[in-house]
C-alpha atoms as a PDB file:
ATOM      1  CA  MET A   1     130.047  90.254  95.378  1.00  0.00           C
ATOM      2  CA  SER A   2     126.679  88.466  95.523  1.00  0.00           C
ATOM      3  CA  VAL A   3     125.881  86.021  98.332  1.00  0.00           C
ATOM      4  CA  THR A   4     125.425  82.353  97.368  1.00  0.00           C
ATOM      5  CA  ILE A   5     124.026  79.302  99.141  1.00  0.00           C
ATOM      6  CA  LYS A   6     127.648  78.251  99.684  1.00  0.00           C
ATOM      7  CA  ASP A   7     128.117  81.268 101.969  1.00  0.00           C
ATOM      8  CA  ILE A   8     125.020  80.337 103.976  1.00  0.00           C
ATOM      9  CA  ALA A   9     126.117  76.694 104.186  1.00  0.00           C
ATOM     10  CA  LYS A  10     129.590  77.698 105.448  1.00  0.00           C
ATOM     11  CA  ILE A  11     128.161  79.824 108.278  1.00  0.00           C
ATOM     12  CA  LEU A  12     125.761  77.058 109.387  1.00  0.00           C
ATOM     13  CA  ASN A  13     128.302  74.289 108.773  1.00  0.00           C
ATOM     14  CA  VAL A  14     125.847  72.296 106.676  1.00  0.00           C
ATOM     15  CA  SER A  15     125.863  71.035 103.089  1.00  0.00           C
ATOM     16  CA  TYR A  16     124.897  73.121 100.061  1.00  0.00           C
ATOM     17  CA  ALA A  17     122.064  70.669  99.426  1.00  0.00           C
ATOM     18  CA  THR A  18     120.617  71.281 102.905  1.00  0.00           C
ATOM     19  CA  VAL A  19     120.527  75.043 102.323  1.00  0.00           C
ATOM     20  CA  SER A  20     119.006  74.610  98.881  1.00  0.00           C
ATOM     21  CA  LYS A  21     116.296  72.279 100.188  1.00  0.00           C
ATOM     22  CA  ALA A  22     115.555  74.582 103.131  1.00  0.00           C
ATOM     23  CA  LEU A  23     115.131  77.602 100.874  1.00  0.00           C
ATOM     24  CA  SER A  24     112.845  75.512  98.633  1.00  0.00           C
ATOM     25  CA  ASP A  25     110.768  74.517 101.693  1.00  0.00           C
ATOM     26  CA  ARG A  26     111.347  70.801 101.118  1.00  0.00           C
ATOM     27  CA  ASP A  27     109.567  68.351 103.441  1.00  0.00           C
ATOM     28  CA  ASP A  28     112.749  66.407 104.201  1.00  0.00           C
ATOM     29  CA  ILE A  29     114.265  69.398 106.048  1.00  0.00           C
ATOM     30  CA  SER A  30     113.186  70.203 109.613  1.00  0.00           C
ATOM     31  CA  GLU A  31     111.349  73.420 110.397  1.00  0.00           C
ATOM     32  CA  GLU A  32     114.158  74.330 112.811  1.00  0.00           C
ATOM     33  CA  MET A  33     116.778  74.095 110.064  1.00  0.00           C
ATOM     34  CA  LYS A  34     114.569  76.003 107.630  1.00  0.00           C
ATOM     35  CA  ALA A  35     114.261  78.825 110.170  1.00  0.00           C
ATOM     36  CA  LYS A  36     118.044  78.955 110.686  1.00  0.00           C
ATOM     37  CA  VAL A  37     118.711  79.046 106.952  1.00  0.00           C
ATOM     38  CA  ARG A  38     116.144  81.782 106.347  1.00  0.00           C
ATOM     39  CA  LYS A  39     117.551  83.856 109.212  1.00  0.00           C
ATOM     40  CA  VAL A  40     121.101  83.723 107.838  1.00  0.00           C
ATOM     41  CA  ALA A  41     119.850  84.311 104.277  1.00  0.00           C
ATOM     42  CA  GLU A  42     118.022  87.424 105.433  1.00  0.00           C
ATOM     43  CA  GLU A  43     121.029  88.705 107.402  1.00  0.00           C
ATOM     44  CA  LEU A  44     123.276  88.263 104.365  1.00  0.00           C
ATOM     45  CA  ASN A  45     120.633  89.786 102.041  1.00  0.00           C
ATOM     46  CA  TYR A  46     120.716  86.640  99.914  1.00  0.00           C
ATOM     47  CA  LYS A  47     118.980  86.911  96.508  1.00  0.00           C
ATOM     48  CA  PRO A  48     118.062  83.669  94.692  1.00  0.00           C
ATOM     49  CA  ASN A  49     119.551  83.171  91.227  1.00  0.00           C
ATOM     50  CA  TYR A  50     116.381  82.349  89.310  1.00  0.00           C
ATOM     51  CA  ILE A  51     118.213  81.747  86.056  1.00  0.00           C
ATOM     52  CA  ALA A  52     120.462  79.130  87.634  1.00  0.00           C
ATOM     53  CA  ARG A  53     117.512  77.587  89.452  1.00  0.00           C
ATOM     54  CA  GLY A  54     115.586  77.550  86.191  1.00  0.00           C
ATOM     55  CA  LEU A  55     118.310  75.581  84.443  1.00  0.00           C
ATOM     56  CA  VAL A  56     117.987  72.893  87.107  1.00  0.00           C
ATOM     57  CA  LYS A  57     114.203  72.868  87.424  1.00  0.00           C
ATOM     58  CA  LYS A  58     113.575  73.690  83.757  1.00  0.00           C
ATOM     59  CA  GLU A  59     111.486  76.675  84.810  1.00  0.00           C
ATOM     60  CA  THR A  60     112.432  80.300  85.452  1.00  0.00           C
ATOM     61  CA  LYS A  61     109.159  81.589  86.927  1.00  0.00           C
ATOM     62  CA  THR A  62     109.162  84.285  84.251  1.00  0.00           C
ATOM     63  CA  ILE A  63     106.909  85.004  81.288  1.00  0.00           C
ATOM     64  CA  GLY A  64     107.341  87.318  78.318  1.00  0.00           C
ATOM     65  CA  LEU A  65     104.792  89.951  77.301  1.00  0.00           C
ATOM     66  CA  ILE A  66     104.996  91.632  73.884  1.00  0.00           C
ATOM     67  CA  ILE A  67     102.683  94.582  73.205  1.00  0.00           C
ATOM     68  CA  PRO A  68     102.727  97.091  70.326  1.00  0.00           C
ATOM     69  CA  ASP A  69     102.454 100.388  72.230  1.00  0.00           C
ATOM     70  CA  ILE A  70     103.151 100.827  75.944  1.00  0.00           C
ATOM     71  CA  THR A  71     102.059 104.489  75.724  1.00  0.00           C
ATOM     72  CA  ASN A  72      98.504 103.430  74.795  1.00  0.00           C
ATOM     73  CA  PRO A  73      96.467 103.132  78.024  1.00  0.00           C
ATOM     74  CA  PHE A  74      94.627 100.144  76.519  1.00  0.00           C
ATOM     75  CA  TYR A  75      97.781  98.039  76.430  1.00  0.00           C
ATOM     76  CA  SER A  76      99.040  99.459  79.719  1.00  0.00           C
ATOM     77  CA  GLU A  77      95.968  98.150  81.537  1.00  0.00           C
ATOM     78  CA  ILE A  78      96.252  94.735  79.893  1.00  0.00           C
ATOM     79  CA  ALA A  79      99.920  94.611  80.939  1.00  0.00           C
ATOM     80  CA  MET A  80      99.032  95.571  84.511  1.00  0.00           C
ATOM     81  CA  ALA A  81      96.390  92.825  84.719  1.00  0.00           C
ATOM     82  CA  ILE A  82      98.813  90.225  83.384  1.00  0.00           C
ATOM     83  CA  GLU A  83     101.563  91.247  85.792  1.00  0.00           C
ATOM     84  CA  GLU A  84      99.283  91.287  88.832  1.00  0.00           C
ATOM     85  CA  THR A  85      97.791  87.900  87.927  1.00  0.00           C
ATOM     86  CA  VAL A  86     101.068  86.060  87.353  1.00  0.00           C
ATOM     87  CA  ASN A  87     102.750  87.726  90.354  1.00  0.00           C
ATOM     88  CA  LYS A  88     100.231  85.962  92.604  1.00  0.00           C
ATOM     89  CA  GLU A  89     101.621  82.661  91.317  1.00  0.00           C
ATOM     90  CA  GLY A  90     105.241  83.714  91.834  1.00  0.00           C
ATOM     91  CA  TYR A  91     106.002  84.686  88.226  1.00  0.00           C
ATOM     92  CA  SER A  92     107.715  87.836  86.954  1.00  0.00           C
ATOM     93  CA  VAL A  93     107.173  89.538  83.580  1.00  0.00           C
ATOM     94  CA  PHE A  94     109.627  90.612  80.868  1.00  0.00           C
ATOM     95  CA  LEU A  95     107.782  93.456  79.107  1.00  0.00           C
ATOM     96  CA  CYS A  96     108.660  94.138  75.446  1.00  0.00           C
ATOM     97  CA  ASN A  97     107.315  97.029  73.330  1.00  0.00           C
ATOM     98  CA  SER A  98     107.268  96.123  69.619  1.00  0.00           C
ATOM     99  CA  ASN A  99     106.442  99.719  68.604  1.00  0.00           C
ATOM    100  CA  TRP A 100     104.141  98.471  65.823  1.00  0.00           C
ATOM    101  CA  LYS A 101     107.033  96.749  64.010  1.00  0.00           C
ATOM    102  CA  ASN A 102     106.705  93.104  63.012  1.00  0.00           C
ATOM    103  CA  SER A 103     110.487  92.666  62.925  1.00  0.00           C
ATOM    104  CA  ASN A 104     110.615  93.756  66.582  1.00  0.00           C
ATOM    105  CA  GLU A 105     108.011  91.137  67.480  1.00  0.00           C
ATOM    106  CA  ASN A 106     110.114  88.312  66.070  1.00  0.00           C
ATOM    107  CA  ASP A 107     113.295  89.706  67.632  1.00  0.00           C
ATOM    108  CA  TYR A 108     111.597  89.781  71.028  1.00  0.00           C
ATOM    109  CA  ILE A 109     110.258  86.248  70.613  1.00  0.00           C
ATOM    110  CA  ASN A 110     113.821  85.068  69.970  1.00  0.00           C
ATOM    111  CA  LEU A 111     115.134  87.097  72.911  1.00  0.00           C
ATOM    112  CA  LEU A 112     112.505  85.786  75.330  1.00  0.00           C
ATOM    113  CA  THR A 113     113.012  82.167  74.339  1.00  0.00           C
ATOM    114  CA  SER A 114     116.783  82.609  74.781  1.00  0.00           C
ATOM    115  CA  LYS A 115     116.095  83.837  78.302  1.00  0.00           C
ATOM    116  CA  LYS A 116     114.188  80.608  78.958  1.00  0.00           C
ATOM    117  CA  VAL A 117     110.882  82.240  79.891  1.00  0.00           C
ATOM    118  CA  ASP A 118     108.179  79.721  80.753  1.00  0.00           C
ATOM    119  CA  GLY A 119     105.624  81.212  78.332  1.00  0.00           C
ATOM    120  CA  ILE A 120     104.764  84.244  76.210  1.00  0.00           C
ATOM    121  CA  ILE A 121     101.710  86.478  75.836  1.00  0.00           C
ATOM    122  CA  ILE A 122     101.697  88.608  72.695  1.00  0.00           C
ATOM    123  CA  ALA A 123      99.389  91.232  71.208  1.00  0.00           C
ATOM    124  CA  PRO A 124     100.321  90.903  67.489  1.00  0.00           C
ATOM    125  CA  ILE A 125     100.357  94.017  65.350  1.00  0.00           C
ATOM    126  CA  GLY A 126      99.261  92.543  62.037  1.00  0.00           C
ATOM    127  CA  GLU A 127      98.839  89.564  59.787  1.00  0.00           C
ATOM    128  CA  GLU A 128     102.504  89.194  58.916  1.00  0.00           C
ATOM    129  CA  SER A 129     103.820  85.787  59.877  1.00  0.00           C
ATOM    130  CA  LEU A 130     105.077  85.515  63.415  1.00  0.00           C
ATOM    131  CA  ASN A 131     108.022  83.213  63.975  1.00  0.00           C
ATOM    132  CA  LEU A 132     106.205  80.798  66.305  1.00  0.00           C
ATOM    133  CA  GLU A 133     106.802  77.504  64.536  1.00  0.00           C
ATOM    134  CA  SER A 134     110.062  76.808  66.361  1.00  0.00           C
ATOM    135  CA  VAL A 135     108.872  78.087  69.746  1.00  0.00           C
ATOM    136  CA  ASP A 136     108.320  75.134  72.069  1.00  0.00           C
ATOM    137  CA  ILE A 137     106.869  77.003  75.072  1.00  0.00           C
ATOM    138  CA  PRO A 138     103.213  77.950  75.709  1.00  0.00           C
ATOM    139  CA  ILE A 139     101.963  81.082  73.930  1.00  0.00           C
ATOM    140  CA  VAL A 140      98.699  83.016  74.285  1.00  0.00           C
ATOM    141  CA  ILE A 141      97.534  85.688  71.826  1.00  0.00           C
ATOM    142  CA  VAL A 142      95.656  88.689  73.231  1.00  0.00           C
ATOM    143  CA  GLY A 143      93.669  91.271  71.265  1.00  0.00           C
ATOM    144  CA  THR A 144      93.156  89.447  67.969  1.00  0.00           C
ATOM    145  CA  LYS A 145      91.026  86.478  66.891  1.00  0.00           C
ATOM    146  CA  LYS A 146      93.595  85.394  64.317  1.00  0.00           C
ATOM    147  CA  SER A 147      95.260  82.265  65.626  1.00  0.00           C
ATOM    148  CA  TYR A 148      98.968  82.100  64.834  1.00  0.00           C
ATOM    149  CA  ASN A 149     100.269  78.528  64.654  1.00  0.00           C
ATOM    150  CA  ASN A 150      97.107  77.326  66.439  1.00  0.00           C
ATOM    151  CA  GLN A 151      97.793  79.327  69.599  1.00  0.00           C
ATOM    152  CA  ASN A 152      94.984  80.181  72.011  1.00  0.00           C
ATOM    153  CA  TYR A 153      93.638  83.734  72.117  1.00  0.00           C
ATOM    154  CA  VAL A 154      91.667  86.170  74.288  1.00  0.00           C
ATOM    155  CA  VAL A 155      89.845  88.914  72.411  1.00  0.00           C
ATOM    156  CA  ILE A 156      86.774  91.114  72.283  1.00  0.00           C
ATOM    157  CA  ASP A 157      84.262  90.744  69.455  1.00  0.00           C
ATOM    158  CA  ASP A 158      85.648  93.629  67.377  1.00  0.00           C
ATOM    159  CA  GLU A 159      83.191  93.222  64.514  1.00  0.00           C
ATOM    160  CA  LYS A 160      80.228  93.438  66.877  1.00  0.00           C
ATOM    161  CA  GLY A 161      81.805  96.427  68.606  1.00  0.00           C
ATOM    162  CA  GLY A 162      82.084  98.287  65.313  1.00  0.00           C
ATOM    163  CA  TYR A 163      78.525  97.344  64.453  1.00  0.00           C
ATOM    164  CA  ILE A 164      77.192  98.618  67.809  1.00  0.00           C
ATOM    165  CA  ALA A 165      79.087 101.907  67.436  1.00  0.00           C
ATOM    166  CA  VAL A 166      77.723 102.685  63.967  1.00  0.00           C
ATOM    167  CA  LYS A 167      74.174 101.543  64.752  1.00  0.00           C
ATOM    168  CA  HIS A 168      74.268 104.012  67.649  1.00  0.00           C
ATOM    169  CA  LEU A 169      75.322 106.843  65.319  1.00  0.00           C
ATOM    170  CA  ILE A 170      72.538 105.891  62.919  1.00  0.00           C
ATOM    171  CA  LYS A 171      70.018 106.050  65.790  1.00  0.00           C
ATOM    172  CA  GLN A 172      71.354 109.544  66.501  1.00  0.00           C
ATOM    173  CA  ASN A 173      70.231 110.476  62.948  1.00  0.00           C
ATOM    174  CA  CYS A 174      73.739 110.649  61.479  1.00  0.00           C
ATOM    175  CA  LYS A 175      73.610 110.363  57.686  1.00  0.00           C
ATOM    176  CA  LYS A 176      77.268 110.729  56.691  1.00  0.00           C
ATOM    177  CA  ILE A 177      79.258 108.414  58.920  1.00  0.00           C
ATOM    178  CA  MET A 178      83.030 108.150  58.575  1.00  0.00           C
ATOM    179  CA  PHE A 179      85.359 105.390  59.759  1.00  0.00           C
ATOM    180  CA  VAL A 180      88.758 106.579  60.979  1.00  0.00           C
ATOM    181  CA  GLY A 181      90.914 103.519  61.580  1.00  0.00           C
ATOM    182  CA  GLY A 182      94.437 102.497  62.449  1.00  0.00           C
ATOM    183  CA  LYS A 183      96.812 100.271  60.526  1.00  0.00           C
ATOM    184  CA  GLN A 184      94.947  98.440  57.769  1.00  0.00           C
ATOM    185  CA  ASN A 185      96.729  95.111  58.280  1.00  0.00           C
ATOM    186  CA  VAL A 186      95.784  94.877  61.966  1.00  0.00           C
ATOM    187  CA  GLN A 187      93.124  92.211  62.464  1.00  0.00           C
ATOM    188  CA  SER A 188      91.145  94.155  65.087  1.00  0.00           C
ATOM    189  CA  ASN A 189      91.006  97.187  62.791  1.00  0.00           C
ATOM    190  CA  LYS A 190      89.716  95.014  59.931  1.00  0.00           C
ATOM    191  CA  GLN A 191      87.021  93.520  62.141  1.00  0.00           C
ATOM    192  CA  ARG A 192      85.846  96.934  63.384  1.00  0.00           C
ATOM    193  CA  LEU A 193      85.637  98.130  59.786  1.00  0.00           C
ATOM    194  CA  GLU A 194      83.551  95.067  58.926  1.00  0.00           C
ATOM    195  CA  GLY A 195      81.176  95.971  61.748  1.00  0.00           C
ATOM    196  CA  TYR A 196      80.965  99.526  60.414  1.00  0.00           C
ATOM    197  CA  LYS A 197      80.051  98.233  56.955  1.00  0.00           C
ATOM    198  CA  ARG A 198      77.509  95.711  58.252  1.00  0.00           C
ATOM    199  CA  ALA A 199      75.674  98.383  60.220  1.00  0.00           C
ATOM    200  CA  LEU A 200      75.501 100.673  57.170  1.00  0.00           C
ATOM    201  CA  ILE A 201      74.310  97.921  54.819  1.00  0.00           C
ATOM    202  CA  GLU A 202      71.680  96.750  57.287  1.00  0.00           C
ATOM    203  CA  SER A 203      70.342 100.309  57.518  1.00  0.00           C
ATOM    204  CA  ASN A 204      70.386 100.794  53.718  1.00  0.00           C
ATOM    205  CA  TYR A 205      73.223 103.327  53.860  1.00  0.00           C
ATOM    206  CA  GLU A 206      75.648 103.547  50.954  1.00  0.00           C
ATOM    207  CA  ILE A 207      79.263 102.570  51.663  1.00  0.00           C
ATOM    208  CA  ASN A 208      81.348 105.472  50.384  1.00  0.00           C
ATOM    209  CA  GLU A 209      85.078 104.707  50.222  1.00  0.00           C
ATOM    210  CA  GLN A 210      85.814 108.418  50.712  1.00  0.00           C
ATOM    211  CA  TYR A 211      84.406 107.980  54.213  1.00  0.00           C
ATOM    212  CA  ILE A 212      86.846 105.195  55.118  1.00  0.00           C
ATOM    213  CA  ARG A 213      90.263 106.477  56.209  1.00  0.00           C
ATOM    214  CA  SER A 214      93.255 104.787  57.852  1.00  0.00           C
ATOM    215  CA  GLY A 215      96.467 105.845  59.559  1.00  0.00           C
ATOM    216  CA  ASN A 216      97.888 104.510  62.794  1.00  0.00           C
ATOM    217  CA  PHE A 217      96.373 104.155  66.247  1.00  0.00           C
ATOM    218  CA  LYS A 218      97.736 107.405  67.696  1.00  0.00           C
ATOM    219  CA  GLN A 219      95.930 110.657  68.510  1.00  0.00           C
ATOM    220  CA  GLU A 220      97.928 112.693  66.005  1.00  0.00           C
ATOM    221  CA  SER A 221      96.844 110.343  63.227  1.00  0.00           C
ATOM    222  CA  GLY A 222      93.167 110.968  63.988  1.00  0.00           C
ATOM    223  CA  TYR A 223      93.801 114.702  63.955  1.00  0.00           C
ATOM    224  CA  LEU A 224      95.664 114.710  60.624  1.00  0.00           C
ATOM    225  CA  ILE A 225      93.175 112.380  58.910  1.00  0.00           C
ATOM    226  CA  MET A 226      90.238 114.613  59.807  1.00  0.00           C
ATOM    227  CA  LYS A 227      92.146 117.794  58.948  1.00  0.00           C
ATOM    228  CA  LYS A 228      92.640 116.446  55.417  1.00  0.00           C
ATOM    229  CA  VAL A 229      88.992 115.337  55.253  1.00  0.00           C
ATOM    230  CA  PHE A 230      87.781 118.814  56.190  1.00  0.00           C
ATOM    231  CA  ASN A 231      90.228 120.471  53.788  1.00  0.00           C
ATOM    232  CA  ASP A 232      88.854 118.226  51.021  1.00  0.00           C
ATOM    233  CA  GLY A 233      85.396 119.658  51.679  1.00  0.00           C
ATOM    234  CA  ILE A 234      83.979 116.502  53.292  1.00  0.00           C
ATOM    235  CA  ILE A 235      81.988 117.206  56.443  1.00  0.00           C
ATOM    236  CA  PRO A 236      80.667 114.021  58.096  1.00  0.00           C
ATOM    237  CA  ASP A 237      78.041 114.278  60.811  1.00  0.00           C
ATOM    238  CA  GLY A 238      79.240 111.111  62.530  1.00  0.00           C
ATOM    239  CA  VAL A 239      82.627 109.444  63.049  1.00  0.00           C
ATOM    240  CA  PHE A 240      83.440 105.977  64.342  1.00  0.00           C
ATOM    241  CA  ALA A 241      87.103 105.941  65.365  1.00  0.00           C
ATOM    242  CA  GLY A 242      89.052 102.678  65.564  1.00  0.00           C
ATOM    243  CA  ASN A 243      90.239 103.477  69.084  1.00  0.00           C
ATOM    244  CA  ASP A 244      89.909 106.216  71.682  1.00  0.00           C
ATOM    245  CA  LEU A 245      93.247 107.860  70.877  1.00  0.00           C
ATOM    246  CA  LEU A 246      92.123 108.305  67.276  1.00  0.00           C
ATOM    247  CA  ALA A 247      88.799 109.636  68.559  1.00  0.00           C
ATOM    248  CA  LEU A 248      90.594 112.261  70.673  1.00  0.00           C
ATOM    249  CA  GLY A 249      92.445 113.396  67.552  1.00  0.00           C
ATOM    250  CA  VAL A 250      89.160 113.534  65.610  1.00  0.00           C
ATOM    251  CA  MET A 251      87.610 115.665  68.369  1.00  0.00           C
ATOM    252  CA  ARG A 252      90.520 118.125  68.351  1.00  0.00           C
ATOM    253  CA  SER A 253      90.415 118.461  64.560  1.00  0.00           C
ATOM    254  CA  ALA A 254      86.642 118.991  64.520  1.00  0.00           C
ATOM    255  CA  LEU A 255      86.894 121.707  67.170  1.00  0.00           C
ATOM    256  CA  ASP A 256      89.742 123.425  65.296  1.00  0.00           C
ATOM    257  CA  PHE A 257      87.549 123.402  62.178  1.00  0.00           C
ATOM    258  CA  GLY A 258      84.809 125.151  64.122  1.00  0.00           C
ATOM    259  CA  LEU A 259      82.379 122.261  64.514  1.00  0.00           C
ATOM    260  CA  LYS A 260      80.391 121.714  67.682  1.00  0.00           C
ATOM    261  CA  ILE A 261      80.379 118.286  69.324  1.00  0.00           C
ATOM    262  CA  PRO A 262      77.852 116.639  69.324  1.00  0.00           C
ATOM    263  CA  ASP A 263      75.585 119.203  67.595  1.00  0.00           C
ATOM    264  CA  ASP A 264      77.467 119.284  64.271  1.00  0.00           C
ATOM    265  CA  ILE A 265      79.385 116.010  64.495  1.00  0.00           C
ATOM    266  CA  LYS A 266      78.996 112.982  66.741  1.00  0.00           C
ATOM    267  CA  ILE A 267      81.996 110.818  67.632  1.00  0.00           C
ATOM    268  CA  VAL A 268      82.285 107.276  68.974  1.00  0.00           C
ATOM    269  CA  GLY A 269      85.606 105.710  69.990  1.00  0.00           C
ATOM    270  CA  PHE A 270      86.690 102.195  70.947  1.00  0.00           C
ATOM    271  CA  ASP A 271      88.431 100.931  74.147  1.00  0.00           C
ATOM    272  CA  ASP A 272      87.142 103.203  76.942  1.00  0.00           C
ATOM    273  CA  ILE A 273      90.570 104.280  78.151  1.00  0.00           C
ATOM    274  CA  PRO A 274      90.645 106.366  81.384  1.00  0.00           C
ATOM    275  CA  PHE A 275      90.852 109.687  79.481  1.00  0.00           C
ATOM    276  CA  ALA A 276      87.510 108.959  77.804  1.00  0.00           C
ATOM    277  CA  SER A 277      85.517 109.516  80.994  1.00  0.00           C
ATOM    278  CA  LEU A 278      87.093 112.860  81.907  1.00  0.00           C
ATOM    279  CA  PRO A 279      84.351 115.549  82.080  1.00  0.00           C
ATOM    280  CA  GLU A 280      86.078 117.780  79.517  1.00  0.00           C
ATOM    281  CA  ILE A 281      86.228 114.849  77.051  1.00  0.00           C
ATOM    282  CA  SER A 282      83.231 112.652  77.920  1.00  0.00           C
ATOM    283  CA  LEU A 283      83.755 110.385  74.912  1.00  0.00           C
ATOM    284  CA  THR A 284      81.069 107.960  73.816  1.00  0.00           C
ATOM    285  CA  THR A 285      82.932 104.719  73.189  1.00  0.00           C
ATOM    286  CA  ILE A 286      82.879 100.941  73.009  1.00  0.00           C
ATOM    287  CA  LEU A 287      84.078  99.391  76.246  1.00  0.00           C
ATOM    288  CA  GLN A 288      86.777  96.742  76.046  1.00  0.00           C
ATOM    289  CA  PRO A 289      87.157  94.908  79.373  1.00  0.00           C
ATOM    290  CA  LYS A 290      90.910  95.462  79.305  1.00  0.00           C
ATOM    291  CA  TYR A 291      91.743  94.145  82.765  1.00  0.00           C
ATOM    292  CA  LYS A 292      89.640  91.030  82.177  1.00  0.00           C
ATOM    293  CA  MET A 293      91.409  90.407  78.869  1.00  0.00           C
ATOM    294  CA  GLY A 294      94.786  90.530  80.563  1.00  0.00           C
ATOM    295  CA  GLU A 295      93.599  88.425  83.484  1.00  0.00           C
ATOM    296  CA  HIS A 296      92.109  85.758  81.192  1.00  0.00           C
ATOM    297  CA  ALA A 297      95.272  85.682  79.048  1.00  0.00           C
ATOM    298  CA  ALA A 298      97.490  85.313  82.119  1.00  0.00           C
ATOM    299  CA  ASN A 299      95.383  82.526  83.633  1.00  0.00           C
ATOM    300  CA  MET A 300      95.257  80.716  80.300  1.00  0.00           C
ATOM    301  CA  LEU A 301      99.040  80.885  79.957  1.00  0.00           C
ATOM    302  CA  LEU A 302      99.585  79.707  83.544  1.00  0.00           C
ATOM    303  CA  SER A 303      97.292  76.734  82.888  1.00  0.00           C
ATOM    304  CA  LYS A 304      99.282  75.839  79.755  1.00  0.00           C
ATOM    305  CA  ILE A 305     102.596  76.182  81.616  1.00  0.00           C
ATOM    306  CA  LYS A 306     101.429  73.862  84.400  1.00  0.00           C
ATOM    307  CA  ASN A 307      99.894  71.388  81.955  1.00  0.00           C
ATOM    308  CA  PRO A 308     101.194  71.689  78.374  1.00  0.00           C
ATOM    309  CA  GLU A 309      98.678  69.081  77.198  1.00  0.00           C
ATOM    310  CA  ILE A 310      95.654  71.069  78.426  1.00  0.00           C
ATOM    311  CA  ASN A 311      93.083  72.044  75.778  1.00  0.00           C
ATOM    312  CA  CYS A 312      92.187  75.677  76.595  1.00  0.00           C
ATOM    313  CA  GLU A 313      89.115  77.284  75.050  1.00  0.00           C
ATOM    314  CA  ASN A 314      89.544  80.590  73.229  1.00  0.00           C
ATOM    315  CA  ILE A 315      87.804  83.512  74.949  1.00  0.00           C
ATOM    316  CA  ILE A 316      85.757  86.117  73.051  1.00  0.00           C
ATOM    317  CA  LEU A 317      84.418  88.882  75.303  1.00  0.00           C
ATOM    318  CA  LYS A 318      81.385  91.046  74.527  1.00  0.00           C
ATOM    319  CA  PRO A 319      81.703  94.757  73.693  1.00  0.00           C
ATOM    320  CA  LYS A 320      79.461  97.359  75.341  1.00  0.00           C
ATOM    321  CA  LEU A 321      78.479 100.888  74.317  1.00  0.00           C
ATOM    322  CA  ILE A 322      79.304 103.569  76.910  1.00  0.00           C
ATOM    323  CA  LYS A 323      77.223 106.612  76.026  1.00  0.00           C
ATOM    324  CA  ARG A 324      78.615 110.014  76.993  1.00  0.00           C
ATOM    325  CA  LYS A 325      78.457 113.519  75.529  1.00  0.00           C
ATOM    326  CA  THR A 326      80.162 113.161  72.137  1.00  0.00           C
ATOM    327  CA  GLY A 327      77.414 111.157  70.507  1.00  0.00           C
END
């Protein structure tokens, strides 16, 4: 049976209120009494009931985090940054994996609000409507510039990132450049494709729809897309992949087809996940400052929790090309 403040109060022969105030470090309780209460609490292995405390204080010191794919190192690093940042302020994180399903996102939003979290950070998967209209707690969007219900966001400039990637391939004398993207309805994917197109148009390259392919954001998708491309007799000399996992799949498919990287085909990814820098991979990619994104999102949410009336500025971070051996 769990220990309560009533048990501590009984041992010390003081009121419940005195124990509660001592554990909350209230100024109207002496340091001597606080020390006694803490000593007994530690001996009894007392664990605070944050839910009950939250009902009284109207705060639970918890936030919700909804991401689409916990197995993707990009989202894992964002989640780590958010957790480490809010932990410093005494908050815990409920982590939810939507698994690229919009229905899961809305279910998790309902679940988190029912648990009385103090705020939510979400990386939306697409443009489908999120059920945010009835949510009356602070929300911050991470990873997409689309603002849902006028919520603040933290994002990288995806369009510019796509543009930088393709301009680099053009400078490497690539003439037939393919875009291998993830889900078409995802805002970041759309923006990266726009950057791809802008770079081609600016360099007087023709936009060939056969060279624009989509799947999902997983490695196997990149592999299968390129396998079909090669089987259709299309051999690009450059590929811009919508993320690094797709790029890894593209690399594997190209090698299976007998192409040499980067001699026959050059490949640029997006994200700069840890695998990208491994010597046997050495993927040229667009760096997303993942930890910074998570840190900014967490600090923005904490500011909104402490002051709901605060007017936070949206944050758009700059992409950077990391040149390695694939292109």
